[in-house]
């Protein structure tokens, strides 16, 4: 019975882990650091609402990573933003730097060549969870089966 509960708790922790790996304070820090009147959407760096470690896929996000951006590190974010400004990076090639576009309230990824579309399958599909609902249902079914099996053994040992 204990192993079934351990499995269920482990499954819940595993399923909750992807959302904990995102950097939810980044949009507010970008707003503050650049003096914007708005908080940029996560899609500035993550295509299709797919967030978490390893999901930076937009041209702007890739340019930020090339300038030192790492997860959960505000100092690295600020440094990358400053380097983007000094390098006058223009991810979409429209002649306006990404930082100037952000200050103007426009998307520095709009029309960018080579923009990566969001994944359509796997762990990070466009719904943000991929096959996660299927896996969570399977893990919960296994946990329930183990709990019932443990209970059935106890019941049969009481009858004997």
C-alpha atoms as a PDB file:
ATOM      1  CA  UNK A   1       0.000   0.000   0.000  1.00  0.00           C
ATOM      2  CA  UNK A   2       2.856   2.387   0.861  1.00  0.00           C
ATOM      3  CA  UNK A   3       4.566   1.804  -2.465  1.00  0.00           C
ATOM      4  CA  UNK A   4       1.347   2.642  -4.300  1.00  0.00           C
ATOM      5  CA  UNK A   5       1.043   5.928  -2.432  1.00  0.00           C
ATOM      6  CA  UNK A   6       4.712   6.664  -3.067  1.00  0.00           C
ATOM      7  CA  UNK A   7       4.167   6.027  -6.779  1.00  0.00           C
ATOM      8  CA  UNK A   8       1.128   8.318  -6.848  1.00  0.00           C
ATOM      9  CA  UNK A   9       2.976  11.122  -5.046  1.00  0.00           C
ATOM     10  CA  UNK A  10       6.008  10.706  -7.322  1.00  0.00           C
ATOM     11  CA  UNK A  11       3.760  10.855 -10.396  1.00  0.00           C
ATOM     12  CA  UNK A  12       2.134  14.089  -9.220  1.00  0.00           C
ATOM     13  CA  UNK A  13       5.545  15.654  -8.510  1.00  0.00           C
ATOM     14  CA  UNK A  14       6.853  14.578 -11.895  1.00  0.00           C
ATOM     15  CA  UNK A  15       3.823  15.988 -13.680  1.00  0.00           C
ATOM     16  CA  UNK A  16       4.066  19.291 -11.837  1.00  0.00           C
ATOM     17  CA  UNK A  17       7.786  19.756 -12.607  1.00  0.00           C
ATOM     18  CA  UNK A  18       7.571  21.278 -16.131  1.00  0.00           C
ATOM     19  CA  UNK A  19       5.612  24.341 -15.025  1.00  0.00           C
ATOM     20  CA  UNK A  20       8.026  24.952 -12.164  1.00  0.00           C
ATOM     21  CA  UNK A  21      10.922  25.238 -14.590  1.00  0.00           C
ATOM     22  CA  UNK A  22       9.688  28.364 -16.361  1.00  0.00           C
ATOM     23  CA  UNK A  23      10.903  31.873 -15.444  1.00  0.00           C
ATOM     24  CA  UNK A  24       7.579  33.609 -14.717  1.00  0.00           C
ATOM     25  CA  UNK A  25       9.191  36.834 -13.470  1.00  0.00           C
ATOM     26  CA  UNK A  26      10.980  37.497 -16.766  1.00  0.00           C
ATOM     27  CA  UNK A  27       8.165  39.487 -18.462  1.00  0.00           C
ATOM     28  CA  UNK A  28       7.887  41.836 -15.465  1.00  0.00           C
ATOM     29  CA  UNK A  29      11.671  42.203 -15.264  1.00  0.00           C
ATOM     30  CA  UNK A  30      11.859  43.009 -18.995  1.00  0.00           C
ATOM     31  CA  UNK A  31       9.170  45.646 -18.464  1.00  0.00           C
ATOM     32  CA  UNK A  32      11.033  47.186 -15.530  1.00  0.00           C
ATOM     33  CA  UNK A  33      14.509  46.966 -17.072  1.00  0.00           C
ATOM     34  CA  UNK A  34      13.492  48.567 -20.361  1.00  0.00           C
ATOM     35  CA  UNK A  35      10.967  50.989 -18.847  1.00  0.00           C
ATOM     36  CA  UNK A  36       8.084  49.551 -20.884  1.00  0.00           C
ATOM     37  CA  UNK A  37       4.460  50.493 -20.249  1.00  0.00           C
ATOM     38  CA  UNK A  38       3.427  46.834 -20.579  1.00  0.00           C
ATOM     39  CA  UNK A  39       4.637  43.407 -19.588  1.00  0.00           C
ATOM     40  CA  UNK A  40       5.670  41.488 -22.727  1.00  0.00           C
ATOM     41  CA  UNK A  41       3.967  38.149 -23.377  1.00  0.00           C
ATOM     42  CA  UNK A  42       5.812  34.861 -22.888  1.00  0.00           C
ATOM     43  CA  UNK A  43       5.561  34.425 -26.679  1.00  0.00           C
ATOM     44  CA  UNK A  44       8.383  36.954 -26.957  1.00  0.00           C
ATOM     45  CA  UNK A  45      10.728  34.007 -26.324  1.00  0.00           C
ATOM     46  CA  UNK A  46       8.443  30.944 -26.350  1.00  0.00           C
ATOM     47  CA  UNK A  47       6.389  30.040 -29.442  1.00  0.00           C
ATOM     48  CA  UNK A  48       2.808  28.844 -29.056  1.00  0.00           C
ATOM     49  CA  UNK A  49       2.600  29.310 -25.279  1.00  0.00           C
ATOM     50  CA  UNK A  50       5.009  26.433 -24.696  1.00  0.00           C
ATOM     51  CA  UNK A  51       7.156  27.487 -21.752  1.00  0.00           C
ATOM     52  CA  UNK A  52       9.706  25.746 -19.562  1.00  0.00           C
ATOM     53  CA  UNK A  53      13.320  24.739 -19.811  1.00  0.00           C
ATOM     54  CA  UNK A  54      14.526  24.208 -23.357  1.00  0.00           C
ATOM     55  CA  UNK A  55      11.526  25.860 -25.033  1.00  0.00           C
ATOM     56  CA  UNK A  56      13.010  29.187 -26.136  1.00  0.00           C
ATOM     57  CA  UNK A  57      12.354  28.992 -29.884  1.00  0.00           C
ATOM     58  CA  UNK A  58      11.661  32.499 -31.180  1.00  0.00           C
ATOM     59  CA  UNK A  59      14.319  34.527 -32.999  1.00  0.00           C
ATOM     60  CA  UNK A  60      14.293  37.101 -30.169  1.00  0.00           C
ATOM     61  CA  UNK A  61      14.638  34.369 -27.539  1.00  0.00           C
ATOM     62  CA  UNK A  62      17.495  32.711 -29.414  1.00  0.00           C
ATOM     63  CA  UNK A  63      19.290  36.051 -29.717  1.00  0.00           C
ATOM     64  CA  UNK A  64      18.846  36.554 -25.962  1.00  0.00           C
ATOM     65  CA  UNK A  65      20.276  33.102 -25.239  1.00  0.00           C
ATOM     66  CA  UNK A  66      23.235  33.859 -27.499  1.00  0.00           C
ATOM     67  CA  UNK A  67      23.889  36.868 -25.271  1.00  0.00           C
ATOM     68  CA  UNK A  68      23.887  34.948 -21.995  1.00  0.00           C
ATOM     69  CA  UNK A  69      20.235  34.452 -21.058  1.00  0.00           C
ATOM     70  CA  UNK A  70      19.692  31.446 -18.793  1.00  0.00           C
ATOM     71  CA  UNK A  71      16.677  30.236 -16.842  1.00  0.00           C
ATOM     72  CA  UNK A  72      15.881  31.723 -13.450  1.00  0.00           C
ATOM     73  CA  UNK A  73      18.707  34.276 -13.492  1.00  0.00           C
ATOM     74  CA  UNK A  74      17.570  37.904 -13.475  1.00  0.00           C
ATOM     75  CA  UNK A  75      21.138  39.247 -13.730  1.00  0.00           C
ATOM     76  CA  UNK A  76      21.673  37.188 -16.909  1.00  0.00           C
ATOM     77  CA  UNK A  77      18.369  38.486 -18.297  1.00  0.00           C
ATOM     78  CA  UNK A  78      19.355  42.108 -17.674  1.00  0.00           C
ATOM     79  CA  UNK A  79      22.807  41.537 -19.169  1.00  0.00           C
ATOM     80  CA  UNK A  80      21.313  39.895 -22.267  1.00  0.00           C
ATOM     81  CA  UNK A  81      18.869  42.800 -22.714  1.00  0.00           C
ATOM     82  CA  UNK A  82      21.713  45.301 -22.451  1.00  0.00           C
ATOM     83  CA  UNK A  83      23.781  43.342 -24.982  1.00  0.00           C
ATOM     84  CA  UNK A  84      20.764  43.153 -27.331  1.00  0.00           C
ATOM     85  CA  UNK A  85      20.542  46.954 -27.150  1.00  0.00           C
ATOM     86  CA  UNK A  86      24.271  47.564 -27.667  1.00  0.00           C
ATOM     87  CA  UNK A  87      24.436  45.021 -30.522  1.00  0.00           C
ATOM     88  CA  UNK A  88      21.289  46.566 -32.070  1.00  0.00           C
ATOM     89  CA  UNK A  89      19.928  43.082 -32.759  1.00  0.00           C
ATOM     90  CA  UNK A  90      17.115  43.031 -35.336  1.00  0.00           C
ATOM     91  CA  UNK A  91      15.631  39.527 -35.207  1.00  0.00           C
ATOM     92  CA  UNK A  92      13.017  40.055 -37.907  1.00  0.00           C
ATOM     93  CA  UNK A  93      15.208  42.109 -40.248  1.00  0.00           C
ATOM     94  CA  UNK A  94      12.809  45.048 -40.535  1.00  0.00           C
ATOM     95  CA  UNK A  95      15.468  47.678 -39.817  1.00  0.00           C
ATOM     96  CA  UNK A  96      14.269  48.372 -36.249  1.00  0.00           C
ATOM     97  CA  UNK A  97      16.239  46.896 -33.355  1.00  0.00           C
ATOM     98  CA  UNK A  98      14.448  44.413 -31.115  1.00  0.00           C
ATOM     99  CA  UNK A  99      14.769  46.662 -28.060  1.00  0.00           C
ATOM    100  CA  UNK A 100      13.355  49.635 -29.989  1.00  0.00           C
ATOM    101  CA  UNK A 101      10.478  47.433 -31.139  1.00  0.00           C
ATOM    102  CA  UNK A 102       9.725  46.421 -27.566  1.00  0.00           C
ATOM    103  CA  UNK A 103       9.777  50.071 -26.500  1.00  0.00           C
ATOM    104  CA  UNK A 104       7.381  50.877 -29.366  1.00  0.00           C
ATOM    105  CA  UNK A 105       5.078  48.024 -28.308  1.00  0.00           C
ATOM    106  CA  UNK A 106       5.669  45.939 -31.442  1.00  0.00           C
ATOM    107  CA  UNK A 107       6.782  42.315 -31.743  1.00  0.00           C
ATOM    108  CA  UNK A 108      10.456  41.916 -32.672  1.00  0.00           C
ATOM    109  CA  UNK A 109       9.661  38.406 -33.952  1.00  0.00           C
ATOM    110  CA  UNK A 110       6.901  39.452 -36.376  1.00  0.00           C
ATOM    111  CA  UNK A 111       7.771  38.244 -39.866  1.00  0.00           C
ATOM    112  CA  UNK A 112      11.181  36.977 -38.820  1.00  0.00           C
ATOM    113  CA  UNK A 113      12.762  34.532 -41.262  1.00  0.00           C
ATOM    114  CA  UNK A 114      13.298  31.118 -39.739  1.00  0.00           C
ATOM    115  CA  UNK A 115      10.801  31.628 -36.919  1.00  0.00           C
ATOM    116  CA  UNK A 116      10.186  28.217 -35.404  1.00  0.00           C
ATOM    117  CA  UNK A 117       6.546  27.134 -35.258  1.00  0.00           C
ATOM    118  CA  UNK A 118       5.398  25.542 -32.007  1.00  0.00           C
ATOM    119  CA  UNK A 119       5.808  21.765 -31.788  1.00  0.00           C
ATOM    120  CA  UNK A 120       2.743  19.756 -32.750  1.00  0.00           C
ATOM    121  CA  UNK A 121       3.497  16.600 -30.768  1.00  0.00           C
ATOM    122  CA  UNK A 122       5.684  15.295 -27.982  1.00  0.00           C
ATOM    123  CA  UNK A 123       6.289  16.602 -24.500  1.00  0.00           C
ATOM    124  CA  UNK A 124       5.959  20.260 -25.482  1.00  0.00           C
ATOM    125  CA  UNK A 125       3.116  20.316 -28.007  1.00  0.00           C
ATOM    126  CA  UNK A 126       1.216  23.506 -28.722  1.00  0.00           C
ATOM    127  CA  UNK A 127      -1.194  23.011 -25.841  1.00  0.00           C
ATOM    128  CA  UNK A 128       1.775  23.491 -23.528  1.00  0.00           C
ATOM    129  CA  UNK A 129       1.701  19.956 -22.219  1.00  0.00           C
ATOM    130  CA  UNK A 130       1.956  17.673 -25.236  1.00  0.00           C
ATOM    131  CA  UNK A 131       1.115  14.143 -24.246  1.00  0.00           C
ATOM    132  CA  UNK A 132       1.091  15.073 -20.557  1.00  0.00           C
ATOM    133  CA  UNK A 133      -2.672  14.514 -20.027  1.00  0.00           C
ATOM    134  CA  UNK A 134      -2.349  11.036 -21.541  1.00  0.00           C
ATOM    135  CA  UNK A 135       0.679  10.218 -19.372  1.00  0.00           C
ATOM    136  CA  UNK A 136      -0.944  11.582 -16.233  1.00  0.00           C
ATOM    137  CA  UNK A 137      -4.042   9.471 -16.863  1.00  0.00           C
ATOM    138  CA  UNK A 138      -1.870   6.399 -17.415  1.00  0.00           C
ATOM    139  CA  UNK A 139       0.143   7.001 -14.256  1.00  0.00           C
ATOM    140  CA  UNK A 140      -2.988   7.578 -12.204  1.00  0.00           C
ATOM    141  CA  UNK A 141      -4.488   4.367 -13.591  1.00  0.00           C
ATOM    142  CA  UNK A 142      -1.369   2.424 -12.594  1.00  0.00           C
ATOM    143  CA  UNK A 143      -1.425   3.964  -9.112  1.00  0.00           C
ATOM    144  CA  UNK A 144      -5.126   3.120  -8.719  1.00  0.00           C
ATOM    145  CA  UNK A 145      -4.524  -0.456  -9.886  1.00  0.00           C
ATOM    146  CA  UNK A 146      -1.712  -0.889  -7.375  1.00  0.00           C
ATOM    147  CA  UNK A 147      -3.871   0.481  -4.569  1.00  0.00           C
ATOM    148  CA  UNK A 148      -6.770  -1.814  -5.495  1.00  0.00           C
ATOM    149  CA  UNK A 149      -4.448  -4.790  -5.837  1.00  0.00           C
ATOM    150  CA  UNK A 150      -3.002  -4.106  -2.403  1.00  0.00           C
ATOM    151  CA  UNK A 151      -6.513  -3.832  -0.956  1.00  0.00           C
ATOM    152  CA  UNK A 152      -7.591  -7.071  -2.679  1.00  0.00           C
ATOM    153  CA  UNK A 153      -4.637  -8.951  -1.158  1.00  0.00           C
ATOM    154  CA  UNK A 154      -5.559  -7.738   2.295  1.00  0.00           C
ATOM    155  CA  UNK A 155      -9.166  -8.724   1.820  1.00  0.00           C
ATOM    156  CA  UNK A 156      -8.254 -12.218   0.612  1.00  0.00           C
ATOM    157  CA  UNK A 157      -5.875 -12.716   3.542  1.00  0.00           C
ATOM    158  CA  UNK A 158      -8.660 -11.785   5.961  1.00  0.00           C
ATOM    159  CA  UNK A 159     -11.042 -14.346   4.397  1.00  0.00           C
ATOM    160  CA  UNK A 160      -8.585 -17.222   4.742  1.00  0.00           C
END
